[in-house]
């Protein structure tokens, strides 16, 4: 907690600082200001969590200084400290929305209780501010996705720092449980990073992307950025296991629009993940890949898509593109990562000696196209149900699946109902609610609102309504009854 003491009385500052040191749990950083003008300058520079402000100070009185500080340090909790207890001071303090009013001399027990209240209030304030940031970022990005650029208010306009985005790509071994398991683990880990950011007074939001699995968008200063990069690299390494691989690309922007544009451009090159080292954060503009290496990685990405969709013609076309690439050593791409991801996504075992040798291995593997892809196009409804099992936590629709299966939405809905006995919407809802039940009963530490997001509901209220309609209980009631 960053604390600022503003008082022109040196002994008063010393006394309060001594009491704070006695109560320090190892998290306090204490700064001092000797007058109102210095208080404003310190608030503008430090953005303290808590400021203890004496009313009577030279150059500028405490209440006037607080009024100015509000414009540059909105989430600071101000505590008015004075030897006066008159009603006029208290009334003016209320209009400035100060956190509390402390009459000198303060007692240690009184100060301890005050700090506890401030800590709880500060936590709520940070959550609310971050929630406002999240809503504005998501609204802006959604609008830009739909209609292109239009001028919108930047959520962090006027604040120091810049935006950065971490775009995460997830690859898993074929099998309907693998993707869902890895997706939920990633979502839970990224939500933990967002909570850490809030504790560090950083604005952060997690966003579903059309190209990547997730985008983690953060507004921060230059000093915080290296630490965030290290945290993300550790997270990527922790999330990798035998059946899942995680790749992360990083972009930056001075404002949200520039970040959105840079990140969208980077995600168009999602195929780069096939040549990037495992567990290493990469910046697209700094990658040294040759045009030939870009062609190879793009073809490898298409090959995986064809395999997962059981599209033999596209598989052969992509393989032909790989064979046509003229690749010469030394390589900038990581050939070990390329063969590892191909082995994972195609459920095979490939090794690199030369590119032609790898292509021969992939040609032999074509016979596994239908056996490993989960379902062939001759059984389109099985494919649809497997797809829902893997992607229920994402925004999927009848139109999207019908397009994948080269069917009209009406015909798809008719066949799906005949096969499952349910409408597409009812089937998807049941999948989401069943997964929510599992998380509620097995993970007591996960908040209900986070469970909602993990199973595909952005609104926790809508999730609660759907859950109660399906089970007769609210999510919280279901969790409580499941453990009694």
Protein backbone atom coordinates (compact mmCIF):
# COMPACT_ATOMS: atom_id res chain seq x y z
CA UNK A 1 0.00 0.00 0.00
CA UNK A 2 1.46 3.38 -1.03
CA UNK A 3 0.74 5.97 1.69
CA UNK A 4 1.30 9.73 1.54
CA UNK A 5 1.37 11.90 4.71
CA UNK A 6 0.79 15.62 4.08
CA UNK A 7 1.33 17.86 7.13
CA UNK A 8 3.47 20.95 7.74
CA UNK A 9 4.07 19.83 11.36
CA UNK A 10 7.21 17.66 11.37
CA UNK A 11 6.40 16.06 14.74
CA UNK A 12 2.86 15.20 13.58
CA UNK A 13 4.28 13.53 10.45
CA UNK A 14 6.78 11.60 12.55
CA UNK A 15 4.13 10.43 15.01
CA UNK A 16 1.77 9.19 12.31
CA UNK A 17 4.60 7.57 10.37
CA UNK A 18 5.79 5.72 13.51
CA UNK A 19 2.31 4.32 14.16
CA UNK A 20 2.04 3.23 10.52
CA UNK A 21 5.40 1.45 10.73
CA UNK A 22 4.13 -0.43 13.80
CA UNK A 23 1.11 -1.59 11.78
CA UNK A 24 3.08 -2.34 8.60
CA UNK A 25 2.69 -5.91 7.33
CA UNK A 26 5.60 -5.46 4.92
CA UNK A 27 3.53 -3.86 2.16
CA UNK A 28 3.62 -0.16 3.14
CA UNK A 29 5.58 2.48 1.20
CA UNK A 30 5.35 5.83 2.98
CA UNK A 31 6.05 9.26 1.46
CA UNK A 32 5.72 12.77 2.91
CA UNK A 33 4.59 16.22 1.79
CA UNK A 34 5.03 19.42 3.82
CA UNK A 35 2.38 21.63 2.20
CA UNK A 36 -0.68 21.54 -0.03
CA UNK A 37 1.19 22.37 -3.22
CA UNK A 38 3.65 19.52 -2.68
CA UNK A 39 0.72 17.20 -1.92
CA UNK A 40 -0.76 17.86 -5.37
CA UNK A 41 2.62 17.30 -7.04
CA UNK A 42 3.17 14.04 -5.13
CA UNK A 43 -0.31 12.76 -5.95
CA UNK A 44 0.24 13.52 -9.63
CA UNK A 45 3.54 11.60 -9.55
CA UNK A 46 2.86 8.74 -7.13
CA UNK A 47 -0.92 8.11 -7.32
CA UNK A 48 -0.98 6.95 -3.67
CA UNK A 49 -3.47 4.41 -2.36
CA UNK A 50 -4.05 6.44 0.82
CA UNK A 51 -3.25 10.08 1.64
CA UNK A 52 -3.44 11.47 5.19
CA UNK A 53 -3.98 15.24 4.72
CA UNK A 54 -3.79 17.98 7.35
CA UNK A 55 -6.33 20.76 6.80
CA UNK A 56 -4.15 23.74 7.79
CA UNK A 57 -1.03 23.83 5.59
CA UNK A 58 0.90 26.67 3.92
CA UNK A 59 0.68 27.54 0.18
CA UNK A 60 -2.58 25.61 -0.15
CA UNK A 61 -4.95 24.26 2.52
CA UNK A 62 -5.64 20.54 2.69
CA UNK A 63 -9.20 20.57 1.37
CA UNK A 64 -8.29 22.70 -1.65
CA UNK A 65 -5.35 20.40 -2.33
CA UNK A 66 -7.61 17.31 -2.15
CA UNK A 67 -9.96 18.92 -4.66
CA UNK A 68 -7.07 19.31 -7.13
CA UNK A 69 -5.67 15.86 -6.38
CA UNK A 70 -9.02 14.30 -7.32
CA UNK A 71 -8.40 15.31 -10.93
CA UNK A 72 -5.09 13.43 -11.26
CA UNK A 73 -5.42 10.57 -8.73
CA UNK A 74 -9.02 9.42 -8.84
CA UNK A 75 -8.74 6.20 -6.83
CA UNK A 76 -6.70 7.63 -3.91
CA UNK A 77 -8.42 7.30 -0.52
CA UNK A 78 -8.06 10.68 1.27
CA UNK A 79 -8.17 10.90 5.06
CA UNK A 80 -8.50 14.39 6.54
CA UNK A 81 -6.34 14.78 9.66
CA UNK A 82 -6.82 17.85 11.85
CA UNK A 83 -6.98 19.14 15.35
CA UNK A 84 -10.32 20.65 14.41
CA UNK A 85 -13.56 18.75 14.73
CA UNK A 86 -15.88 21.53 13.64
CA UNK A 87 -18.94 20.72 11.56
CA UNK A 88 -17.88 22.98 8.66
CA UNK A 89 -14.72 20.96 8.05
CA UNK A 90 -16.57 17.68 8.22
CA UNK A 91 -19.24 19.00 5.83
CA UNK A 92 -16.63 20.17 3.27
CA UNK A 93 -14.86 16.79 3.58
CA UNK A 94 -18.08 14.98 2.72
CA UNK A 95 -18.56 17.05 -0.45
CA UNK A 96 -15.04 16.03 -1.51
CA UNK A 97 -15.88 12.37 -0.82
CA UNK A 98 -12.94 11.86 1.52
CA UNK A 99 -12.60 8.37 2.93
CA UNK A 100 -12.49 9.36 6.60
CA UNK A 101 -11.89 12.17 9.11
CA UNK A 102 -9.23 11.71 11.79
CA UNK A 103 -8.92 14.08 14.76
CA UNK A 104 -5.42 14.63 16.20
CA UNK A 105 -3.89 13.04 18.13
CA UNK A 106 -4.80 9.66 16.63
CA UNK A 107 -4.70 6.51 18.73
CA UNK A 108 -2.99 3.32 17.40
CA UNK A 109 -6.19 1.25 17.74
CA UNK A 110 -8.16 3.94 15.92
CA UNK A 111 -5.58 4.02 13.12
CA UNK A 112 -5.53 0.22 12.78
CA UNK A 113 -9.32 0.09 12.41
CA UNK A 114 -9.16 2.92 9.89
CA UNK A 115 -6.54 1.13 7.77
CA UNK A 116 -8.65 -2.02 7.72
CA UNK A 117 -11.63 -0.06 6.41
CA UNK A 118 -9.49 1.73 3.86
CA UNK A 119 -7.98 -1.53 2.61
CA UNK A 120 -11.42 -3.05 2.02
CA UNK A 121 -12.69 0.13 0.38
CA UNK A 122 -9.59 0.37 -1.80
CA UNK A 123 -10.06 -3.20 -3.00
CA UNK A 124 -13.67 -2.46 -3.98
CA UNK A 125 -12.66 0.77 -5.70
CA UNK A 126 -10.00 -0.98 -7.75
CA UNK A 127 -12.42 -3.72 -8.80
CA UNK A 128 -15.02 -1.14 -9.84
CA UNK A 129 -12.49 0.94 -11.78
CA UNK A 130 -11.15 -2.15 -13.52
CA UNK A 131 -14.70 -3.25 -14.32
CA UNK A 132 -15.38 0.12 -15.97
CA UNK A 133 -12.16 -0.28 -17.95
CA UNK A 134 -13.12 -3.80 -19.02
CA UNK A 135 -16.57 -2.78 -20.23
CA UNK A 136 -15.23 0.16 -22.26
CA UNK A 137 -12.40 -1.86 -23.84
CA UNK A 138 -14.72 -4.72 -24.82
CA UNK A 139 -17.34 -2.34 -26.22
CA UNK A 140 -14.76 -0.42 -28.29
CA UNK A 141 -13.11 -3.55 -29.68
CA UNK A 142 -16.45 -5.15 -30.53
CA UNK A 143 -17.57 -2.06 -32.43
CA UNK A 144 -14.27 -1.81 -34.33
CA UNK A 145 -14.57 -5.48 -35.27
CA UNK A 146 -18.02 -4.92 -36.68
CA UNK A 147 -17.72 -1.60 -38.53
CA UNK A 148 -14.02 -0.69 -38.62
CA UNK A 149 -12.48 2.46 -37.20
CA UNK A 150 -14.65 5.10 -35.62
CA UNK A 151 -13.62 7.67 -33.05
CA UNK A 152 -14.39 6.48 -29.51
CA UNK A 153 -13.33 7.69 -26.08
CA UNK A 154 -10.17 5.92 -24.93
CA UNK A 155 -10.68 4.23 -21.52
CA UNK A 156 -7.29 5.49 -20.28
CA UNK A 157 -7.16 8.90 -22.00
CA UNK A 158 -4.97 11.32 -20.06
CA UNK A 159 -3.34 8.62 -17.96
CA UNK A 160 0.37 7.85 -18.07
CA UNK A 161 1.42 4.61 -19.72
CA UNK A 162 0.50 2.63 -22.81
CA UNK A 163 -1.46 -0.45 -23.81
CA UNK A 164 -0.04 -3.92 -24.33
CA UNK A 165 -1.82 -7.07 -25.47
CA UNK A 166 -0.82 -10.70 -25.08
CA UNK A 167 -2.51 -12.89 -27.71
CA UNK A 168 -2.60 -16.55 -26.65
CA UNK A 169 -2.92 -19.43 -29.12
CA UNK A 170 -3.90 -22.88 -27.91
CA UNK A 171 -3.22 -26.16 -29.73
CA UNK A 172 -4.31 -29.53 -28.39
CA UNK A 173 -4.18 -33.18 -29.32
CA UNK A 174 -7.37 -34.43 -31.08
CA UNK A 175 -9.94 -35.59 -28.55
CA UNK A 176 -13.03 -33.77 -27.39
CA UNK A 177 -11.89 -33.32 -23.78
CA UNK A 178 -8.43 -31.93 -24.44
CA UNK A 179 -9.30 -28.50 -25.81
CA UNK A 180 -11.96 -27.77 -23.17
CA UNK A 181 -9.61 -28.79 -20.36
CA UNK A 182 -6.75 -26.65 -21.63
CA UNK A 183 -9.05 -23.70 -22.43
CA UNK A 184 -10.49 -23.61 -18.92
CA UNK A 185 -7.03 -23.90 -17.34
CA UNK A 186 -5.81 -20.98 -19.44
CA UNK A 187 -8.87 -18.86 -18.65
CA UNK A 188 -8.49 -19.48 -14.92
CA UNK A 189 -4.77 -18.62 -15.00
CA UNK A 190 -5.37 -15.40 -16.96
CA UNK A 191 -8.11 -14.32 -14.56
CA UNK A 192 -5.56 -14.75 -11.77
CA UNK A 193 -3.18 -12.44 -13.67
CA UNK A 194 -5.98 -9.84 -13.93
CA UNK A 195 -6.48 -9.98 -10.16
CA UNK A 196 -2.73 -9.49 -9.69
CA UNK A 197 -2.84 -6.50 -12.03
CA UNK A 198 -5.65 -4.94 -9.99
CA UNK A 199 -3.54 -5.31 -6.84
CA UNK A 200 -0.73 -3.48 -8.67
CA UNK A 201 -3.15 -0.72 -9.76
CA UNK A 202 -3.01 -1.81 -13.41
CA UNK A 203 -6.09 -1.96 -15.63
CA UNK A 204 -6.55 -5.35 -17.32
CA UNK A 205 -9.21 -7.22 -19.29
CA UNK A 206 -9.50 -10.67 -20.86
CA UNK A 207 -11.06 -10.78 -24.30
CA UNK A 208 -12.14 -13.59 -26.61
CA UNK A 209 -10.65 -13.08 -30.05
CA UNK A 210 -11.70 -14.20 -33.52
CA UNK A 211 -8.20 -15.48 -34.28
CA UNK A 212 -6.48 -16.15 -30.96
CA UNK A 213 -7.82 -18.13 -28.04
CA UNK A 214 -7.60 -15.14 -25.67
CA UNK A 215 -6.29 -11.58 -25.60
CA UNK A 216 -5.03 -10.18 -22.31
CA UNK A 217 -5.13 -6.37 -22.63
CA UNK A 218 -3.32 -4.29 -20.00
CA UNK A 219 -2.65 -0.58 -19.54
CA UNK A 220 0.64 -0.05 -17.75
CA UNK A 221 3.81 2.03 -17.51
CA UNK A 222 7.23 1.15 -18.93
CA UNK A 223 8.49 -0.04 -15.54
CA UNK A 224 5.73 -2.62 -15.13
CA UNK A 225 5.99 -4.05 -18.66
CA UNK A 226 9.10 -6.30 -18.23
CA UNK A 227 7.57 -7.89 -15.15
CA UNK A 228 4.34 -8.60 -17.03
CA UNK A 229 6.29 -10.22 -19.87
CA UNK A 230 8.10 -12.49 -17.40
CA UNK A 231 4.80 -13.40 -15.75
CA UNK A 232 3.24 -14.31 -19.10
CA UNK A 233 6.21 -16.47 -20.11
CA UNK A 234 5.97 -18.39 -16.83
CA UNK A 235 2.26 -18.85 -17.42
CA UNK A 236 2.83 -20.22 -20.95
CA UNK A 237 5.35 -22.75 -19.66
CA UNK A 238 3.04 -23.79 -16.82
CA UNK A 239 0.09 -24.37 -19.17
CA UNK A 240 2.01 -26.63 -21.58
CA UNK A 241 1.66 -30.36 -21.07
CA UNK A 242 1.57 -33.56 -23.13
CA UNK A 243 -1.77 -32.79 -24.81
CA UNK A 244 -1.61 -28.98 -25.09
CA UNK A 245 0.74 -26.27 -26.35
CA UNK A 246 0.50 -22.50 -25.74
CA UNK A 247 2.03 -19.72 -27.84
CA UNK A 248 1.90 -16.00 -27.08
CA UNK A 249 2.43 -12.95 -29.30
CA UNK A 250 2.78 -9.48 -27.76
CA UNK A 251 1.83 -6.11 -29.25
CA UNK A 252 1.77 -2.53 -27.92
CA UNK A 253 -0.10 0.67 -28.67
CA UNK A 254 -0.09 4.25 -27.40
CA UNK A 255 -3.89 4.14 -27.39
CA UNK A 256 -6.53 1.43 -27.58
CA UNK A 257 -7.20 1.83 -31.32
CA UNK A 258 -3.53 1.43 -32.22
CA UNK A 259 -3.31 -1.62 -29.96
CA UNK A 260 -6.45 -3.11 -31.55
CA UNK A 261 -5.00 -2.62 -35.04
CA UNK A 262 -1.56 -3.98 -34.15
CA UNK A 263 -3.04 -7.00 -32.37
CA UNK A 264 -5.45 -7.76 -35.22
CA UNK A 265 -2.55 -7.66 -37.68
CA UNK A 266 -0.46 -9.93 -35.45
CA UNK A 267 -3.26 -12.47 -35.03
CA UNK A 268 -3.61 -12.72 -38.81
CA UNK A 269 -0.17 -14.34 -38.58
CA UNK A 270 -1.27 -17.00 -36.10
CA UNK A 271 0.61 -19.55 -38.22
CA UNK A 272 3.86 -18.14 -36.77
CA UNK A 273 3.29 -20.25 -33.67
CA UNK A 274 4.53 -23.30 -35.62
CA UNK A 275 8.02 -21.79 -35.76
CA UNK A 276 8.32 -20.01 -32.40
CA UNK A 277 10.24 -21.43 -29.42
CA UNK A 278 8.14 -22.94 -26.64
CA UNK A 279 7.45 -20.78 -23.59
CA UNK A 280 8.95 -17.65 -25.17
CA UNK A 281 7.04 -14.39 -25.57
CA UNK A 282 7.46 -13.04 -29.12
CA UNK A 283 6.91 -9.68 -30.81
CA UNK A 284 5.75 -10.17 -34.45
CA UNK A 285 7.62 -7.13 -35.80
CA UNK A 286 10.92 -8.46 -34.40
CA UNK A 287 10.73 -11.98 -35.87
CA UNK A 288 13.46 -12.67 -38.45
CA UNK A 289 11.55 -15.22 -40.57
CA UNK A 290 12.26 -15.25 -44.30
CA UNK A 291 9.41 -15.17 -46.87
CA UNK A 292 10.03 -18.88 -47.49
CA UNK A 293 9.70 -19.64 -43.78
CA UNK A 294 6.44 -17.68 -43.68
CA UNK A 295 5.14 -19.82 -46.57
CA UNK A 296 6.12 -23.03 -44.81
CA UNK A 297 4.53 -22.08 -41.49
CA UNK A 298 1.35 -20.87 -43.19
CA UNK A 299 1.07 -24.16 -45.08
CA UNK A 300 1.62 -26.13 -41.84
CA UNK A 301 -1.24 -24.20 -40.22
CA UNK A 302 -3.53 -24.95 -43.18
CA UNK A 303 -2.53 -28.62 -42.99
CA UNK A 304 -3.62 -28.81 -39.34
CA UNK A 305 -6.95 -27.10 -40.12
CA UNK A 306 -7.57 -29.57 -42.95
CA UNK A 307 -6.80 -32.52 -40.69
CA UNK A 308 -9.12 -31.30 -37.94
CA UNK A 309 -11.91 -30.71 -40.48
CA UNK A 310 -11.24 -34.04 -42.22
CA UNK A 311 -10.76 -32.18 -45.52
CA UNK A 312 -8.57 -34.43 -47.65
CA UNK A 313 -8.39 -32.07 -50.65
CA UNK A 314 -7.19 -29.17 -48.49
CA UNK A 315 -4.72 -31.45 -46.68
CA UNK A 316 -3.12 -32.46 -49.98
CA UNK A 317 -3.07 -28.85 -51.20
CA UNK A 318 -1.30 -27.69 -48.01
CA UNK A 319 1.17 -30.56 -48.24
CA UNK A 320 1.91 -29.55 -51.83
CA UNK A 321 2.59 -26.00 -50.68
CA UNK A 322 5.04 -27.27 -48.07
CA UNK A 323 6.86 -29.39 -50.67
CA UNK A 324 7.17 -26.36 -52.97
CA UNK A 325 8.97 -24.23 -50.37
CA UNK A 326 12.68 -23.81 -51.06
CA UNK A 327 14.18 -23.67 -47.57
CA UNK A 328 17.87 -23.18 -46.87
CA UNK A 329 19.84 -23.37 -43.62
CA UNK A 330 20.44 -21.65 -41.28
CA UNK A 331 16.79 -21.44 -40.24
CA UNK A 332 15.21 -18.69 -38.15
CA UNK A 333 12.23 -20.90 -37.35
CA UNK A 334 12.40 -23.48 -34.59
CA UNK A 335 12.18 -26.82 -36.44
CA UNK A 336 11.77 -28.66 -33.14
CA UNK A 337 8.67 -26.61 -32.33
CA UNK A 338 7.32 -27.16 -35.86
CA UNK A 339 7.50 -30.96 -35.61
CA UNK A 340 6.29 -30.92 -31.97
CA UNK A 341 3.14 -28.92 -32.85
CA UNK A 342 2.45 -31.01 -35.94
CA UNK A 343 2.82 -34.17 -33.83
CA UNK A 344 0.43 -32.75 -31.25
CA UNK A 345 -2.24 -31.40 -33.61
CA UNK A 346 -2.18 -34.40 -35.97
CA UNK A 347 -1.75 -36.95 -33.16
CA UNK A 348 1.32 -38.34 -34.87
CA UNK A 349 5.07 -38.53 -34.39
CA UNK A 350 7.22 -36.45 -36.72
CA UNK A 351 10.89 -35.52 -36.75
CA UNK A 352 13.02 -33.06 -38.68
CA UNK A 353 15.99 -34.02 -40.78
CA UNK A 354 15.04 -32.17 -43.93
CA UNK A 355 11.84 -30.55 -45.19
CA UNK A 356 11.30 -33.20 -47.92
CA UNK A 357 11.66 -35.93 -45.28
CA UNK A 358 9.05 -34.24 -43.10
CA UNK A 359 6.68 -33.95 -46.07
CA UNK A 360 7.02 -37.67 -46.74
CA UNK A 361 6.07 -38.40 -43.14
CA UNK A 362 3.01 -36.14 -43.44
CA UNK A 363 1.98 -37.84 -46.69
CA UNK A 364 2.03 -41.23 -44.97
CA UNK A 365 0.00 -39.77 -42.08
CA UNK A 366 -2.84 -38.77 -44.41
CA UNK A 367 -4.45 -42.18 -43.88
CA UNK A 368 -5.21 -41.08 -40.28
CA UNK A 369 -7.26 -38.16 -41.56
CA UNK A 370 -10.67 -39.58 -40.68
CA UNK A 371 -9.61 -41.85 -37.82
CA UNK A 372 -8.07 -39.06 -35.73
CA UNK A 373 -10.05 -36.00 -36.75
CA UNK A 374 -12.88 -36.83 -34.36
CA UNK A 375 -15.60 -37.43 -36.97
CA UNK A 376 -15.80 -37.55 -40.76
CA UNK A 377 -18.03 -35.34 -42.84
CA UNK A 378 -20.17 -38.40 -43.58
CA UNK A 379 -21.40 -38.14 -40.01
CA UNK A 380 -21.89 -34.40 -39.76
CA UNK A 381 -23.99 -34.40 -36.63
CA UNK A 382 -21.34 -36.36 -34.72
CA UNK A 383 -18.88 -33.73 -35.87
CA UNK A 384 -21.23 -30.99 -34.65
CA UNK A 385 -21.64 -32.57 -31.21
CA UNK A 386 -17.89 -33.10 -30.86
CA UNK A 387 -17.32 -29.48 -31.89
CA UNK A 388 -19.74 -28.26 -29.20
CA UNK A 389 -18.03 -30.48 -26.61
CA UNK A 390 -14.70 -28.83 -27.46
CA UNK A 391 -15.88 -25.24 -27.92
CA UNK A 392 -18.96 -24.83 -25.67
CA UNK A 393 -17.18 -22.04 -23.77
CA UNK A 394 -16.89 -19.94 -26.94
CA UNK A 395 -19.45 -17.96 -28.94
CA UNK A 396 -20.75 -20.62 -31.34
CA UNK A 397 -23.98 -20.55 -33.34
CA UNK A 398 -26.11 -22.55 -35.74
CA UNK A 399 -24.91 -20.38 -38.63
CA UNK A 400 -21.27 -20.98 -37.72
CA UNK A 401 -21.58 -24.77 -37.54
CA UNK A 402 -23.81 -24.96 -40.60
CA UNK A 403 -21.19 -23.04 -42.57
CA UNK A 404 -18.46 -25.42 -41.40
CA UNK A 405 -20.52 -28.39 -42.54
CA UNK A 406 -21.57 -26.77 -45.82
CA UNK A 407 -25.26 -26.89 -44.96
CA UNK A 408 -28.04 -24.32 -44.68
CA UNK A 409 -28.84 -23.28 -41.08
CA UNK A 410 -32.43 -24.57 -41.38
CA UNK A 411 -31.35 -27.99 -42.66
CA UNK A 412 -28.63 -28.22 -40.00
CA UNK A 413 -31.16 -27.41 -37.24
CA UNK A 414 -33.56 -30.07 -38.55
CA UNK A 415 -30.89 -32.80 -38.66
CA UNK A 416 -29.46 -31.78 -35.27
CA UNK A 417 -32.88 -32.02 -33.62
CA UNK A 418 -33.51 -35.42 -35.21
CA UNK A 419 -30.16 -36.71 -33.96
CA UNK A 420 -30.18 -35.28 -30.41
CA UNK A 421 -33.86 -34.74 -29.66
CA UNK A 422 -33.00 -31.16 -28.67
CA UNK A 423 -32.67 -27.82 -30.35
CA UNK A 424 -29.12 -26.55 -30.89
CA UNK A 425 -29.63 -23.84 -28.25
CA UNK A 426 -30.95 -26.30 -25.64
CA UNK A 427 -28.12 -28.74 -26.32
CA UNK A 428 -25.46 -26.02 -25.99
CA UNK A 429 -27.05 -24.68 -22.79
CA UNK A 430 -27.10 -28.18 -21.27
CA UNK A 431 -23.41 -28.64 -22.07
CA UNK A 432 -22.55 -25.32 -20.44
CA UNK A 433 -24.65 -25.95 -17.33
CA UNK A 434 -23.20 -29.45 -16.87
CA UNK A 435 -19.68 -28.07 -17.04
CA UNK A 436 -20.65 -25.29 -14.61
CA UNK A 437 -21.96 -27.91 -12.16
CA UNK A 438 -18.63 -29.72 -12.29
CA UNK A 439 -16.62 -26.55 -11.64
CA UNK A 440 -18.93 -25.39 -8.83
CA UNK A 441 -18.58 -28.70 -6.99
CA UNK A 442 -14.87 -29.30 -7.55
CA UNK A 443 -13.47 -25.77 -7.35
CA UNK A 444 -14.72 -23.94 -4.28
CA UNK A 445 -12.13 -21.18 -4.85
CA UNK A 446 -13.60 -20.09 -8.21
CA UNK A 447 -16.13 -17.24 -7.95
CA UNK A 448 -19.56 -17.73 -9.56
CA UNK A 449 -18.94 -14.85 -11.98
CA UNK A 450 -15.71 -16.54 -13.10
CA UNK A 451 -17.54 -19.85 -13.54
CA UNK A 452 -19.99 -18.01 -15.81
CA UNK A 453 -17.17 -16.76 -18.03
CA UNK A 454 -15.46 -20.15 -18.04
CA UNK A 455 -18.52 -21.83 -19.57
CA UNK A 456 -19.37 -19.15 -22.11
CA UNK A 457 -21.54 -16.53 -20.35
CA UNK A 458 -20.28 -12.94 -20.28
CA UNK A 459 -23.15 -11.86 -18.00
CA UNK A 460 -23.13 -13.56 -14.60
CA UNK A 461 -26.77 -12.54 -14.09
CA UNK A 462 -27.82 -14.26 -17.32
CA UNK A 463 -25.81 -17.32 -16.30
CA UNK A 464 -27.53 -17.43 -12.90
CA UNK A 465 -30.99 -17.18 -14.55
CA UNK A 466 -30.22 -19.98 -17.01
CA UNK A 467 -28.67 -22.17 -14.29
CA UNK A 468 -31.69 -21.78 -11.98
CA UNK A 469 -34.09 -22.53 -14.82
CA UNK A 470 -32.19 -25.74 -15.60
CA UNK A 471 -31.55 -26.95 -12.02
CA UNK A 472 -34.08 -25.17 -9.82
CA UNK A 473 -31.21 -23.70 -7.78
CA UNK A 474 -28.97 -20.68 -8.08
CA UNK A 475 -25.27 -21.47 -8.66
CA UNK A 476 -24.45 -20.56 -5.05
CA UNK A 477 -27.28 -22.75 -3.69
CA UNK A 478 -26.16 -25.63 -5.90
CA UNK A 479 -22.61 -25.33 -4.59
CA UNK A 480 -23.76 -25.21 -0.95
CA UNK A 481 -26.09 -28.18 -1.27
CA UNK A 482 -23.49 -30.19 -3.13
CA UNK A 483 -21.20 -30.11 -0.11
CA UNK A 484 -23.71 -30.68 2.69
